[in-house]
């Protein structure tokens, strides 16, 4: 049996990223791109976390994450601050500028979700996401 799951997921990710970046720009959100939005999304949920925790939650490699955080810090979206529990470690925190972008970002994300699931029933969405979670679980076993 020929399968195309990985190929299709890759194409969906590429198309989704392009569309999402355009939607952000059209909404006047030019302070960050979609990839940086993943970082902000995690930080909006749980601020003041270590780079290793942020890496795990975003699935970004530490080296990739570090360079992205450097850019985000230079544009005033995040700050690095000392970890009170470990003075050798730094925590990542949001700035007020980043906090102010949350509502607009969430609105664009909602529109993107609507685009992803146009024509799907609620049951189909649940089933599809269950399958995706299973694929992710399979991949993470080997990671």
C-alpha atoms as a PDB file:
ATOM      1  CA  UNK A   1       0.000   0.000   0.000  1.00  0.00           C
ATOM      2  CA  UNK A   2       1.377   3.396  -0.986  1.00  0.00           C
ATOM      3  CA  UNK A   3       1.051   6.054   1.702  1.00  0.00           C
ATOM      4  CA  UNK A   4       1.516   9.813   1.486  1.00  0.00           C
ATOM      5  CA  UNK A   5       0.940  10.905   5.095  1.00  0.00           C
ATOM      6  CA  UNK A   6       4.348  12.458   5.699  1.00  0.00           C
ATOM      7  CA  UNK A   7       4.322  14.190   2.335  1.00  0.00           C
ATOM      8  CA  UNK A   8       0.818  15.574   2.900  1.00  0.00           C
ATOM      9  CA  UNK A   9       1.626  16.747   6.432  1.00  0.00           C
ATOM     10  CA  UNK A  10       4.721  18.530   5.113  1.00  0.00           C
ATOM     11  CA  UNK A  11       2.715  20.246   2.355  1.00  0.00           C
ATOM     12  CA  UNK A  12      -0.013  21.239   4.830  1.00  0.00           C
ATOM     13  CA  UNK A  13       2.595  22.741   7.153  1.00  0.00           C
ATOM     14  CA  UNK A  14       4.202  24.737   4.327  1.00  0.00           C
ATOM     15  CA  UNK A  15       0.896  26.043   2.970  1.00  0.00           C
ATOM     16  CA  UNK A  16      -0.437  26.731   6.451  1.00  0.00           C
ATOM     17  CA  UNK A  17       2.669  28.709   7.423  1.00  0.00           C
ATOM     18  CA  UNK A  18       2.482  30.878   4.282  1.00  0.00           C
ATOM     19  CA  UNK A  19      -1.226  31.581   4.759  1.00  0.00           C
ATOM     20  CA  UNK A  20      -0.888  32.226   8.490  1.00  0.00           C
ATOM     21  CA  UNK A  21       1.989  34.675   7.964  1.00  0.00           C
ATOM     22  CA  UNK A  22      -0.106  36.542   5.360  1.00  0.00           C
ATOM     23  CA  UNK A  23      -3.080  36.619   7.743  1.00  0.00           C
ATOM     24  CA  UNK A  24      -0.880  38.014  10.520  1.00  0.00           C
ATOM     25  CA  UNK A  25       0.462  40.722   8.202  1.00  0.00           C
ATOM     26  CA  UNK A  26      -3.046  41.588   6.959  1.00  0.00           C
ATOM     27  CA  UNK A  27      -4.122  42.002  10.589  1.00  0.00           C
ATOM     28  CA  UNK A  28      -1.278  44.424  11.216  1.00  0.00           C
ATOM     29  CA  UNK A  29       0.728  41.963  13.277  1.00  0.00           C
ATOM     30  CA  UNK A  30       4.211  42.403  11.916  1.00  0.00           C
ATOM     31  CA  UNK A  31       6.117  42.179  15.174  1.00  0.00           C
ATOM     32  CA  UNK A  32       6.664  38.441  14.707  1.00  0.00           C
ATOM     33  CA  UNK A  33       6.213  35.602  12.249  1.00  0.00           C
ATOM     34  CA  UNK A  34       4.232  32.379  12.599  1.00  0.00           C
ATOM     35  CA  UNK A  35       7.183  30.412  13.970  1.00  0.00           C
ATOM     36  CA  UNK A  36       7.785  33.039  16.651  1.00  0.00           C
ATOM     37  CA  UNK A  37       4.050  32.929  17.313  1.00  0.00           C
ATOM     38  CA  UNK A  38       4.483  29.333  18.499  1.00  0.00           C
ATOM     39  CA  UNK A  39       6.934  30.588  21.100  1.00  0.00           C
ATOM     40  CA  UNK A  40       4.631  33.423  22.143  1.00  0.00           C
ATOM     41  CA  UNK A  41       1.669  31.049  22.342  1.00  0.00           C
ATOM     42  CA  UNK A  42       3.528  28.862  24.838  1.00  0.00           C
ATOM     43  CA  UNK A  43       4.662  31.903  26.828  1.00  0.00           C
ATOM     44  CA  UNK A  44       1.104  33.271  26.920  1.00  0.00           C
ATOM     45  CA  UNK A  45       0.131  29.983  28.598  1.00  0.00           C
ATOM     46  CA  UNK A  46       3.055  29.728  31.027  1.00  0.00           C
ATOM     47  CA  UNK A  47       5.472  32.590  31.344  1.00  0.00           C
ATOM     48  CA  UNK A  48       8.854  32.543  33.071  1.00  0.00           C
ATOM     49  CA  UNK A  49      10.045  29.186  31.782  1.00  0.00           C
ATOM     50  CA  UNK A  50      13.463  27.831  30.946  1.00  0.00           C
ATOM     51  CA  UNK A  51      14.737  27.463  27.409  1.00  0.00           C
ATOM     52  CA  UNK A  52      14.680  23.676  27.772  1.00  0.00           C
ATOM     53  CA  UNK A  53      11.008  23.728  28.842  1.00  0.00           C
ATOM     54  CA  UNK A  54      10.189  26.109  26.009  1.00  0.00           C
ATOM     55  CA  UNK A  55      12.037  23.830  23.589  1.00  0.00           C
ATOM     56  CA  UNK A  56       9.996  20.830  24.718  1.00  0.00           C
ATOM     57  CA  UNK A  57       6.695  22.704  24.473  1.00  0.00           C
ATOM     58  CA  UNK A  58       7.400  24.156  21.011  1.00  0.00           C
ATOM     59  CA  UNK A  59       9.274  21.150  19.569  1.00  0.00           C
ATOM     60  CA  UNK A  60      12.056  23.508  18.495  1.00  0.00           C
ATOM     61  CA  UNK A  61      15.694  22.528  18.940  1.00  0.00           C
ATOM     62  CA  UNK A  62      17.585  24.547  21.551  1.00  0.00           C
ATOM     63  CA  UNK A  63      19.908  26.029  18.922  1.00  0.00           C
ATOM     64  CA  UNK A  64      16.987  27.119  16.702  1.00  0.00           C
ATOM     65  CA  UNK A  65      15.112  28.434  19.709  1.00  0.00           C
ATOM     66  CA  UNK A  66      18.080  30.415  20.985  1.00  0.00           C
ATOM     67  CA  UNK A  67      18.506  32.311  17.714  1.00  0.00           C
ATOM     68  CA  UNK A  68      14.751  32.961  17.508  1.00  0.00           C
ATOM     69  CA  UNK A  69      14.753  34.242  21.096  1.00  0.00           C
ATOM     70  CA  UNK A  70      17.678  36.537  20.260  1.00  0.00           C
ATOM     71  CA  UNK A  71      15.609  38.108  17.453  1.00  0.00           C
ATOM     72  CA  UNK A  72      12.516  38.316  19.649  1.00  0.00           C
ATOM     73  CA  UNK A  73      14.511  39.977  22.416  1.00  0.00           C
ATOM     74  CA  UNK A  74      15.972  42.520  19.977  1.00  0.00           C
ATOM     75  CA  UNK A  75      12.435  43.438  18.805  1.00  0.00           C
ATOM     76  CA  UNK A  76      11.196  43.817  22.375  1.00  0.00           C
ATOM     77  CA  UNK A  77       8.922  40.756  22.579  1.00  0.00           C
ATOM     78  CA  UNK A  78      10.704  38.773  25.279  1.00  0.00           C
ATOM     79  CA  UNK A  79      13.260  39.266  28.015  1.00  0.00           C
ATOM     80  CA  UNK A  80      15.636  36.827  29.628  1.00  0.00           C
ATOM     81  CA  UNK A  81      15.861  37.072  33.376  1.00  0.00           C
ATOM     82  CA  UNK A  82      17.713  35.207  36.113  1.00  0.00           C
ATOM     83  CA  UNK A  83      16.110  32.068  37.507  1.00  0.00           C
ATOM     84  CA  UNK A  84      15.751  32.590  41.263  1.00  0.00           C
ATOM     85  CA  UNK A  85      16.046  28.827  41.812  1.00  0.00           C
ATOM     86  CA  UNK A  86      19.244  28.453  39.748  1.00  0.00           C
ATOM     87  CA  UNK A  87      21.474  31.471  39.223  1.00  0.00           C
ATOM     88  CA  UNK A  88      23.225  29.763  36.273  1.00  0.00           C
ATOM     89  CA  UNK A  89      19.924  29.522  34.425  1.00  0.00           C
ATOM     90  CA  UNK A  90      17.783  32.134  32.672  1.00  0.00           C
ATOM     91  CA  UNK A  91      14.012  32.256  32.313  1.00  0.00           C
ATOM     92  CA  UNK A  92      12.102  33.539  29.303  1.00  0.00           C
ATOM     93  CA  UNK A  93       9.412  36.131  29.983  1.00  0.00           C
ATOM     94  CA  UNK A  94       7.112  38.263  27.862  1.00  0.00           C
ATOM     95  CA  UNK A  95       7.220  42.023  27.553  1.00  0.00           C
ATOM     96  CA  UNK A  96       4.109  44.188  27.658  1.00  0.00           C
ATOM     97  CA  UNK A  97       4.460  44.586  23.894  1.00  0.00           C
ATOM     98  CA  UNK A  98       4.072  40.810  23.439  1.00  0.00           C
ATOM     99  CA  UNK A  99       1.218  40.576  25.930  1.00  0.00           C
ATOM    100  CA  UNK A 100      -0.661  43.269  24.002  1.00  0.00           C
ATOM    101  CA  UNK A 101      -0.537  41.166  20.806  1.00  0.00           C
ATOM    102  CA  UNK A 102      -2.239  38.125  22.318  1.00  0.00           C
ATOM    103  CA  UNK A 103      -5.859  38.940  21.528  1.00  0.00           C
ATOM    104  CA  UNK A 104      -5.172  39.836  17.894  1.00  0.00           C
ATOM    105  CA  UNK A 105      -3.033  36.722  17.446  1.00  0.00           C
ATOM    106  CA  UNK A 106      -5.770  34.526  18.890  1.00  0.00           C
ATOM    107  CA  UNK A 107      -8.300  36.030  16.484  1.00  0.00           C
ATOM    108  CA  UNK A 108      -6.036  35.264  13.514  1.00  0.00           C
ATOM    109  CA  UNK A 109      -5.465  31.745  14.886  1.00  0.00           C
ATOM    110  CA  UNK A 110      -9.219  31.201  15.105  1.00  0.00           C
ATOM    111  CA  UNK A 111      -9.649  32.285  11.481  1.00  0.00           C
ATOM    112  CA  UNK A 112      -6.838  29.924  10.502  1.00  0.00           C
ATOM    113  CA  UNK A 113      -8.535  27.042  12.325  1.00  0.00           C
ATOM    114  CA  UNK A 114     -11.754  27.807  10.470  1.00  0.00           C
ATOM    115  CA  UNK A 115      -9.818  27.642   7.219  1.00  0.00           C
ATOM    116  CA  UNK A 116      -8.211  24.319   8.129  1.00  0.00           C
ATOM    117  CA  UNK A 117     -11.536  22.723   8.971  1.00  0.00           C
ATOM    118  CA  UNK A 118     -13.844  24.178   6.315  1.00  0.00           C
ATOM    119  CA  UNK A 119     -16.280  21.446   5.286  1.00  0.00           C
ATOM    120  CA  UNK A 120     -15.483  19.161   8.233  1.00  0.00           C
ATOM    121  CA  UNK A 121     -18.074  18.045  10.748  1.00  0.00           C
ATOM    122  CA  UNK A 122     -17.267  18.284  14.448  1.00  0.00           C
ATOM    123  CA  UNK A 123     -16.960  14.489  14.578  1.00  0.00           C
ATOM    124  CA  UNK A 124     -14.548  14.469  11.616  1.00  0.00           C
ATOM    125  CA  UNK A 125     -12.393  17.112  13.309  1.00  0.00           C
ATOM    126  CA  UNK A 126     -12.212  15.059  16.520  1.00  0.00           C
ATOM    127  CA  UNK A 127     -11.361  11.894  14.588  1.00  0.00           C
ATOM    128  CA  UNK A 128      -8.738  13.662  12.460  1.00  0.00           C
ATOM    129  CA  UNK A 129      -7.050  15.188  15.500  1.00  0.00           C
ATOM    130  CA  UNK A 130      -7.089  11.808  17.240  1.00  0.00           C
ATOM    131  CA  UNK A 131      -5.232  10.336  14.261  1.00  0.00           C
ATOM    132  CA  UNK A 132      -2.745  13.201  14.222  1.00  0.00           C
ATOM    133  CA  UNK A 133      -2.097  12.737  17.952  1.00  0.00           C
ATOM    134  CA  UNK A 134      -1.442   9.037  17.363  1.00  0.00           C
ATOM    135  CA  UNK A 135       1.061   9.849  14.603  1.00  0.00           C
ATOM    136  CA  UNK A 136       2.781  12.373  16.876  1.00  0.00           C
ATOM    137  CA  UNK A 137       2.908   9.852  19.723  1.00  0.00           C
ATOM    138  CA  UNK A 138       4.461   7.274  17.388  1.00  0.00           C
ATOM    139  CA  UNK A 139       7.108   9.751  16.281  1.00  0.00           C
ATOM    140  CA  UNK A 140       7.905  10.958  19.782  1.00  0.00           C
ATOM    141  CA  UNK A 141       8.599   7.376  20.931  1.00  0.00           C
ATOM    142  CA  UNK A 142      11.698   7.440  18.739  1.00  0.00           C
ATOM    143  CA  UNK A 143      12.716  11.035  19.448  1.00  0.00           C
END
